[in-house]
Amino acid sequence: MSSERQGAIRAAVRVASGIAFEMAPSRLALADDAEALFLFLSDPKIHGPIYNLPKPLTLESVRLFIEQKLLERTSGEGLLLLRFDETGAVLGYSEFDIWPEWGAGELGGAIRADHQGQRVGIQGAERSFSWMFETLNLDLICETAALDNIRTAKLLDHIGFERKGEIVSMRPDGSKRESLVWELTRQQWRQRQAQN
């Protein structure tokens, strides 16, 4: 990857401020959002399957998580975006890890239980992946999920990601998780979108 291309990806990440979803557009997470995000993540059904969230989950650890993602945005290597409902409560979050040197990235996140099962998750994921390819100009998206995370596996398989095998993922606290791995290239995504 040329230094110019890496620089362009980093620049795109640095100015990214959200995704224009039709319902509840996302915006950059700020330190003032820590309490709302903590309340959202406190549901064990949300934070349980997500290996890279801070543990233990506290208001302070969530505030530090947001601050870390803001630092990553400054370096062009990460983003944390939040979606809110009409009451101001967090509806969902999207975490982006970006590797400019490879033109690649990963999307993680969750949506509130009352919005699951209504295709909101699939539509949100599809819109987010398109945004990663179009706005951040990535060539490759890599995804991982725990072996027992059936919901994510079905979503990625449905969207067109290719299974690439298994790895052992490291959590921030040093513990390990066996994970399935998927990949999708920009070319594959464009071909799939043209067929739909």
C-alpha atoms as a PDB file:
ATOM      1  CA  MET A   1       0.000   0.000   0.000  1.00  0.00           C
ATOM      2  CA  SER A   2       1.532   3.309  -1.069  1.00  0.00           C
ATOM      3  CA  SER A   3       2.106   6.026   1.507  1.00  0.00           C
ATOM      4  CA  GLU A   4      -0.267   8.270  -0.464  1.00  0.00           C
ATOM      5  CA  ARG A   5      -3.046   5.695  -0.287  1.00  0.00           C
ATOM      6  CA  GLN A   6      -2.460   5.148   3.433  1.00  0.00           C
ATOM      7  CA  GLY A   7      -2.546   8.892   3.960  1.00  0.00           C
ATOM      8  CA  ALA A   8      -5.847   9.183   2.096  1.00  0.00           C
ATOM      9  CA  ILE A   9      -7.436   6.492   4.279  1.00  0.00           C
ATOM     10  CA  ARG A  10      -6.152   8.138   7.461  1.00  0.00           C
ATOM     11  CA  ALA A  11      -7.481  11.501   6.285  1.00  0.00           C
ATOM     12  CA  ALA A  12     -10.923   9.997   5.575  1.00  0.00           C
ATOM     13  CA  VAL A  13     -11.048   8.487   9.072  1.00  0.00           C
ATOM     14  CA  ARG A  14      -9.976  11.767  10.699  1.00  0.00           C
ATOM     15  CA  VAL A  15     -12.869  13.713   9.146  1.00  0.00           C
ATOM     16  CA  ALA A  16     -15.529  10.990   9.438  1.00  0.00           C
ATOM     17  CA  SER A  17     -18.344  12.108  11.709  1.00  0.00           C
ATOM     18  CA  GLY A  18     -21.156   9.600  11.187  1.00  0.00           C
ATOM     19  CA  ILE A  19     -23.260   7.526   8.842  1.00  0.00           C
ATOM     20  CA  ALA A  20     -26.487   8.927   7.386  1.00  0.00           C
ATOM     21  CA  PHE A  21     -28.843   6.072   8.236  1.00  0.00           C
ATOM     22  CA  GLU A  22     -32.458   6.840   7.319  1.00  0.00           C
ATOM     23  CA  MET A  23     -33.516   6.106  10.893  1.00  0.00           C
ATOM     24  CA  ALA A  24     -31.292   7.411  13.700  1.00  0.00           C
ATOM     25  CA  PRO A  25     -28.167   8.593  11.863  1.00  0.00           C
ATOM     26  CA  SER A  26     -24.960   7.837  13.720  1.00  0.00           C
ATOM     27  CA  ARG A  27     -22.516  10.411  14.993  1.00  0.00           C
ATOM     28  CA  LEU A  28     -19.097  10.465  16.572  1.00  0.00           C
ATOM     29  CA  ALA A  29     -19.033   9.301  20.207  1.00  0.00           C
ATOM     30  CA  LEU A  30     -17.804  12.004  22.586  1.00  0.00           C
ATOM     31  CA  ALA A  31     -16.724  11.870  26.227  1.00  0.00           C
ATOM     32  CA  ASP A  32     -20.101  13.354  27.259  1.00  0.00           C
ATOM     33  CA  ASP A  33     -21.791  10.223  25.832  1.00  0.00           C
ATOM     34  CA  ALA A  34     -20.141   7.893  28.344  1.00  0.00           C
ATOM     35  CA  GLU A  35     -23.157   7.560  30.642  1.00  0.00           C
ATOM     36  CA  ALA A  36     -25.606   6.851  27.804  1.00  0.00           C
ATOM     37  CA  LEU A  37     -23.235   4.304  26.238  1.00  0.00           C
ATOM     38  CA  PHE A  38     -22.599   2.674  29.618  1.00  0.00           C
ATOM     39  CA  LEU A  39     -26.357   2.241  30.155  1.00  0.00           C
ATOM     40  CA  PHE A  40     -26.661   0.669  26.705  1.00  0.00           C
ATOM     41  CA  LEU A  41     -23.703  -1.672  27.185  1.00  0.00           C
ATOM     42  CA  SER A  42     -24.794  -2.699  30.701  1.00  0.00           C
ATOM     43  CA  ASP A  43     -27.246  -5.195  29.201  1.00  0.00           C
ATOM     44  CA  PRO A  44     -25.421  -8.583  29.399  1.00  0.00           C
ATOM     45  CA  LYS A  45     -27.051  -9.640  26.122  1.00  0.00           C
ATOM     46  CA  ILE A  46     -25.228  -6.760  24.455  1.00  0.00           C
ATOM     47  CA  HIS A  47     -21.829  -6.731  26.122  1.00  0.00           C
ATOM     48  CA  GLY A  48     -21.556 -10.482  26.764  1.00  0.00           C
ATOM     49  CA  PRO A  49     -20.670 -11.662  23.227  1.00  0.00           C
ATOM     50  CA  ILE A  50     -18.429  -8.681  22.403  1.00  0.00           C
ATOM     51  CA  TYR A  51     -14.885  -9.591  23.340  1.00  0.00           C
ATOM     52  CA  ASN A  52     -13.163  -6.239  22.918  1.00  0.00           C
ATOM     53  CA  LEU A  53     -15.336  -4.107  25.192  1.00  0.00           C
ATOM     54  CA  PRO A  54     -13.726  -2.919  28.424  1.00  0.00           C
ATOM     55  CA  LYS A  55     -13.839  -5.337  31.339  1.00  0.00           C
ATOM     56  CA  PRO A  56     -14.909  -4.704  33.981  1.00  0.00           C
ATOM     57  CA  LEU A  57     -17.586  -2.593  32.378  1.00  0.00           C
ATOM     58  CA  THR A  58     -17.871   0.616  34.425  1.00  0.00           C
ATOM     59  CA  LEU A  59     -18.762   4.198  33.643  1.00  0.00           C
ATOM     60  CA  GLU A  60     -15.070   5.093  33.855  1.00  0.00           C
ATOM     61  CA  SER A  61     -13.956   2.217  31.605  1.00  0.00           C
ATOM     62  CA  VAL A  62     -16.562   3.259  29.012  1.00  0.00           C
ATOM     63  CA  ARG A  63     -15.338   6.867  29.206  1.00  0.00           C
ATOM     64  CA  LEU A  64     -11.759   5.640  28.625  1.00  0.00           C
ATOM     65  CA  PHE A  65     -12.997   3.466  25.721  1.00  0.00           C
ATOM     66  CA  ILE A  66     -14.519   6.541  24.052  1.00  0.00           C
ATOM     67  CA  GLU A  67     -11.372   8.577  24.650  1.00  0.00           C
ATOM     68  CA  GLN A  68      -9.214   5.813  23.164  1.00  0.00           C
ATOM     69  CA  LYS A  69     -11.356   5.689  20.025  1.00  0.00           C
ATOM     70  CA  LEU A  70     -11.103   9.490  19.712  1.00  0.00           C
ATOM     71  CA  LEU A  71      -7.299   9.152  19.833  1.00  0.00           C
ATOM     72  CA  GLU A  72      -7.481   6.438  17.174  1.00  0.00           C
ATOM     73  CA  ARG A  73      -9.559   8.776  15.009  1.00  0.00           C
ATOM     74  CA  THR A  74      -6.817  11.400  15.321  1.00  0.00           C
ATOM     75  CA  SER A  75      -4.274   8.867  14.030  1.00  0.00           C
ATOM     76  CA  GLY A  76      -6.673   7.692  11.303  1.00  0.00           C
ATOM     77  CA  GLU A  77      -6.949   4.179  12.740  1.00  0.00           C
ATOM     78  CA  GLY A  78     -10.325   3.956  14.452  1.00  0.00           C
ATOM     79  CA  LEU A  79     -13.775   5.398  15.085  1.00  0.00           C
ATOM     80  CA  LEU A  80     -16.637   4.984  17.505  1.00  0.00           C
ATOM     81  CA  LEU A  81     -20.074   6.041  16.261  1.00  0.00           C
ATOM     82  CA  LEU A  82     -23.344   6.071  18.218  1.00  0.00           C
ATOM     83  CA  ARG A  83     -27.000   6.017  17.194  1.00  0.00           C
ATOM     84  CA  PHE A  84     -29.678   7.478  19.467  1.00  0.00           C
ATOM     85  CA  ASP A  85     -33.434   7.017  19.701  1.00  0.00           C
ATOM     86  CA  GLU A  86     -35.946   9.846  20.037  1.00  0.00           C
ATOM     87  CA  THR A  87     -35.490   9.922  23.841  1.00  0.00           C
ATOM     88  CA  GLY A  88     -31.726  10.381  23.637  1.00  0.00           C
ATOM     89  CA  ALA A  89     -30.925   6.799  24.670  1.00  0.00           C
ATOM     90  CA  VAL A  90     -28.286   4.878  22.730  1.00  0.00           C
ATOM     91  CA  LEU A  91     -29.896   2.671  20.101  1.00  0.00           C
ATOM     92  CA  GLY A  92     -26.645   1.146  18.875  1.00  0.00           C
ATOM     93  CA  TYR A  93     -22.952   1.637  18.385  1.00  0.00           C
ATOM     94  CA  SER A  94     -20.398   0.943  15.669  1.00  0.00           C
ATOM     95  CA  GLU A  95     -16.693   0.523  16.366  1.00  0.00           C
ATOM     96  CA  PHE A  96     -14.264   0.693  13.457  1.00  0.00           C
ATOM     97  CA  ASP A  97     -10.692  -0.553  13.575  1.00  0.00           C
ATOM     98  CA  ILE A  98      -8.791   0.622  10.511  1.00  0.00           C
ATOM     99  CA  TRP A  99      -5.435  -0.647   9.199  1.00  0.00           C
ATOM    100  CA  PRO A 100      -4.380   1.918   6.567  1.00  0.00           C
ATOM    101  CA  GLU A 101      -1.201   0.000   5.727  1.00  0.00           C
ATOM    102  CA  TRP A 102      -3.376  -2.830   4.374  1.00  0.00           C
ATOM    103  CA  GLY A 103      -6.327  -0.772   3.173  1.00  0.00           C
ATOM    104  CA  ALA A 104      -8.449  -2.835   5.526  1.00  0.00           C
ATOM    105  CA  GLY A 105     -10.787  -2.461   8.462  1.00  0.00           C
ATOM    106  CA  GLU A 106     -13.124  -4.226  10.851  1.00  0.00           C
ATOM    107  CA  LEU A 107     -16.571  -3.266  12.086  1.00  0.00           C
ATOM    108  CA  GLY A 108     -17.910  -4.227  15.487  1.00  0.00           C
ATOM    109  CA  GLY A 109     -20.968  -3.113  17.353  1.00  0.00           C
ATOM    110  CA  ALA A 110     -24.450  -3.879  18.551  1.00  0.00           C
ATOM    111  CA  ILE A 111     -28.017  -2.694  18.315  1.00  0.00           C
ATOM    112  CA  ARG A 112     -30.575  -2.632  21.103  1.00  0.00           C
ATOM    113  CA  ALA A 113     -32.676  -5.778  21.524  1.00  0.00           C
ATOM    114  CA  ASP A 114     -35.966  -4.049  20.678  1.00  0.00           C
ATOM    115  CA  HIS A 115     -34.574  -3.296  17.198  1.00  0.00           C
ATOM    116  CA  GLN A 116     -33.212  -6.759  16.501  1.00  0.00           C
ATOM    117  CA  GLY A 117     -35.085  -9.207  14.302  1.00  0.00           C
ATOM    118  CA  GLN A 118     -36.564  -6.417  12.158  1.00  0.00           C
ATOM    119  CA  ARG A 119     -33.784  -6.398   9.544  1.00  0.00           C
ATOM    120  CA  VAL A 120     -32.453  -3.240  11.210  1.00  0.00           C
ATOM    121  CA  GLY A 121     -29.223  -5.060  12.054  1.00  0.00           C
ATOM    122  CA  ILE A 122     -28.750  -6.399   8.520  1.00  0.00           C
ATOM    123  CA  GLN A 123     -29.611  -3.073   6.919  1.00  0.00           C
ATOM    124  CA  GLY A 124     -27.349  -1.218   9.346  1.00  0.00           C
ATOM    125  CA  ALA A 125     -24.472  -3.618   8.682  1.00  0.00           C
ATOM    126  CA  GLU A 126     -24.914  -3.361   4.907  1.00  0.00           C
ATOM    127  CA  ARG A 127     -25.007   0.445   5.067  1.00  0.00           C
ATOM    128  CA  SER A 128     -21.926   0.455   7.337  1.00  0.00           C
ATOM    129  CA  PHE A 129     -19.937  -1.855   5.060  1.00  0.00           C
ATOM    130  CA  SER A 130     -20.826   0.281   2.021  1.00  0.00           C
ATOM    131  CA  TRP A 131     -19.724   3.356   3.973  1.00  0.00           C
ATOM    132  CA  MET A 132     -16.404   1.708   4.831  1.00  0.00           C
ATOM    133  CA  PHE A 133     -15.716   0.954   1.172  1.00  0.00           C
ATOM    134  CA  GLU A 134     -17.065   4.237  -0.247  1.00  0.00           C
ATOM    135  CA  THR A 135     -16.200   6.856   2.373  1.00  0.00           C
ATOM    136  CA  LEU A 136     -13.102   5.382   4.000  1.00  0.00           C
ATOM    137  CA  ASN A 137     -11.998   3.918   0.648  1.00  0.00           C
ATOM    138  CA  LEU A 138     -10.998   0.525   2.067  1.00  0.00           C
ATOM    139  CA  ASP A 139     -10.154  -2.464  -0.118  1.00  0.00           C
ATOM    140  CA  LEU A 140     -10.906  -5.202   2.428  1.00  0.00           C
ATOM    141  CA  ILE A 141     -13.137  -5.738   5.449  1.00  0.00           C
ATOM    142  CA  CYS A 142     -12.189  -8.461   7.929  1.00  0.00           C
ATOM    143  CA  GLU A 143     -14.648  -9.667  10.539  1.00  0.00           C
ATOM    144  CA  THR A 144     -14.421 -12.027  13.509  1.00  0.00           C
ATOM    145  CA  ALA A 145     -17.024 -13.559  15.809  1.00  0.00           C
ATOM    146  CA  ALA A 146     -16.991 -16.085  18.612  1.00  0.00           C
ATOM    147  CA  LEU A 147     -17.643 -19.670  17.535  1.00  0.00           C
ATOM    148  CA  ASP A 148     -21.028 -19.619  19.296  1.00  0.00           C
ATOM    149  CA  ASN A 149     -22.130 -16.219  17.937  1.00  0.00           C
ATOM    150  CA  ILE A 150     -24.722 -17.635  15.550  1.00  0.00           C
ATOM    151  CA  ARG A 151     -26.466 -14.302  14.905  1.00  0.00           C
ATOM    152  CA  THR A 152     -23.310 -12.605  13.599  1.00  0.00           C
ATOM    153  CA  ALA A 153     -22.275 -15.688  11.607  1.00  0.00           C
ATOM    154  CA  LYS A 154     -25.655 -15.771   9.837  1.00  0.00           C
ATOM    155  CA  LEU A 155     -25.499 -12.040   9.133  1.00  0.00           C
ATOM    156  CA  LEU A 156     -21.996 -12.159   7.625  1.00  0.00           C
ATOM    157  CA  ASP A 157     -22.758 -15.275   5.581  1.00  0.00           C
ATOM    158  CA  HIS A 158     -25.982 -13.656   4.313  1.00  0.00           C
ATOM    159  CA  ILE A 159     -24.246 -10.419   3.320  1.00  0.00           C
ATOM    160  CA  GLY A 160     -21.653 -12.282   1.261  1.00  0.00           C
ATOM    161  CA  PHE A 161     -18.541 -12.467   3.434  1.00  0.00           C
ATOM    162  CA  GLU A 162     -16.279 -15.480   2.833  1.00  0.00           C
ATOM    163  CA  ARG A 163     -15.285 -17.657   5.775  1.00  0.00           C
ATOM    164  CA  LYS A 164     -11.502 -17.838   6.054  1.00  0.00           C
ATOM    165  CA  GLY A 165     -11.039 -20.124   9.054  1.00  0.00           C
ATOM    166  CA  GLU A 166     -10.482 -19.676  12.772  1.00  0.00           C
ATOM    167  CA  ILE A 167      -8.124 -17.635  14.928  1.00  0.00           C
ATOM    168  CA  VAL A 168      -7.619 -16.981  18.624  1.00  0.00           C
ATOM    169  CA  SER A 169      -8.582 -13.384  19.426  1.00  0.00           C
ATOM    170  CA  MET A 170      -7.042 -11.590  22.399  1.00  0.00           C
ATOM    171  CA  ARG A 171      -9.245  -9.529  24.679  1.00  0.00           C
ATOM    172  CA  PRO A 172      -7.923  -6.274  26.166  1.00  0.00           C
ATOM    173  CA  ASP A 173      -7.655  -8.029  29.550  1.00  0.00           C
ATOM    174  CA  GLY A 174      -5.353 -10.693  28.065  1.00  0.00           C
ATOM    175  CA  SER A 175      -7.902 -13.516  27.940  1.00  0.00           C
ATOM    176  CA  LYS A 176      -8.465 -15.391  24.683  1.00  0.00           C
ATOM    177  CA  ARG A 177     -11.445 -16.207  22.499  1.00  0.00           C
ATOM    178  CA  GLU A 178     -11.637 -18.657  19.615  1.00  0.00           C
ATOM    179  CA  SER A 179     -13.121 -16.841  16.657  1.00  0.00           C
ATOM    180  CA  LEU A 180     -14.338 -17.445  13.136  1.00  0.00           C
ATOM    181  CA  VAL A 181     -12.883 -15.121  10.483  1.00  0.00           C
ATOM    182  CA  TRP A 182     -14.560 -13.656   7.393  1.00  0.00           C
ATOM    183  CA  GLU A 183     -13.310 -11.363   4.622  1.00  0.00           C
ATOM    184  CA  LEU A 184     -14.948  -9.298   1.905  1.00  0.00           C
ATOM    185  CA  THR A 185     -13.212  -7.228  -0.773  1.00  0.00           C
ATOM    186  CA  ARG A 186     -14.482  -4.015  -2.285  1.00  0.00           C
ATOM    187  CA  GLN A 187     -14.753  -5.747  -5.677  1.00  0.00           C
ATOM    188  CA  GLN A 188     -16.836  -8.595  -4.213  1.00  0.00           C
ATOM    189  CA  TRP A 189     -19.086  -6.062  -2.460  1.00  0.00           C
ATOM    190  CA  ARG A 190     -19.636  -4.052  -5.642  1.00  0.00           C
ATOM    191  CA  GLN A 191     -20.444  -7.189  -7.633  1.00  0.00           C
ATOM    192  CA  ARG A 192     -22.940  -8.274  -4.988  1.00  0.00           C
ATOM    193  CA  GLN A 193     -24.572  -4.827  -4.899  1.00  0.00           C
ATOM    194  CA  ALA A 194     -24.879  -4.800  -8.688  1.00  0.00           C
ATOM    195  CA  GLN A 195     -26.737  -8.139  -8.556  1.00  0.00           C
ATOM    196  CA  ASN A 196     -29.240  -6.935  -5.940  1.00  0.00           C
END
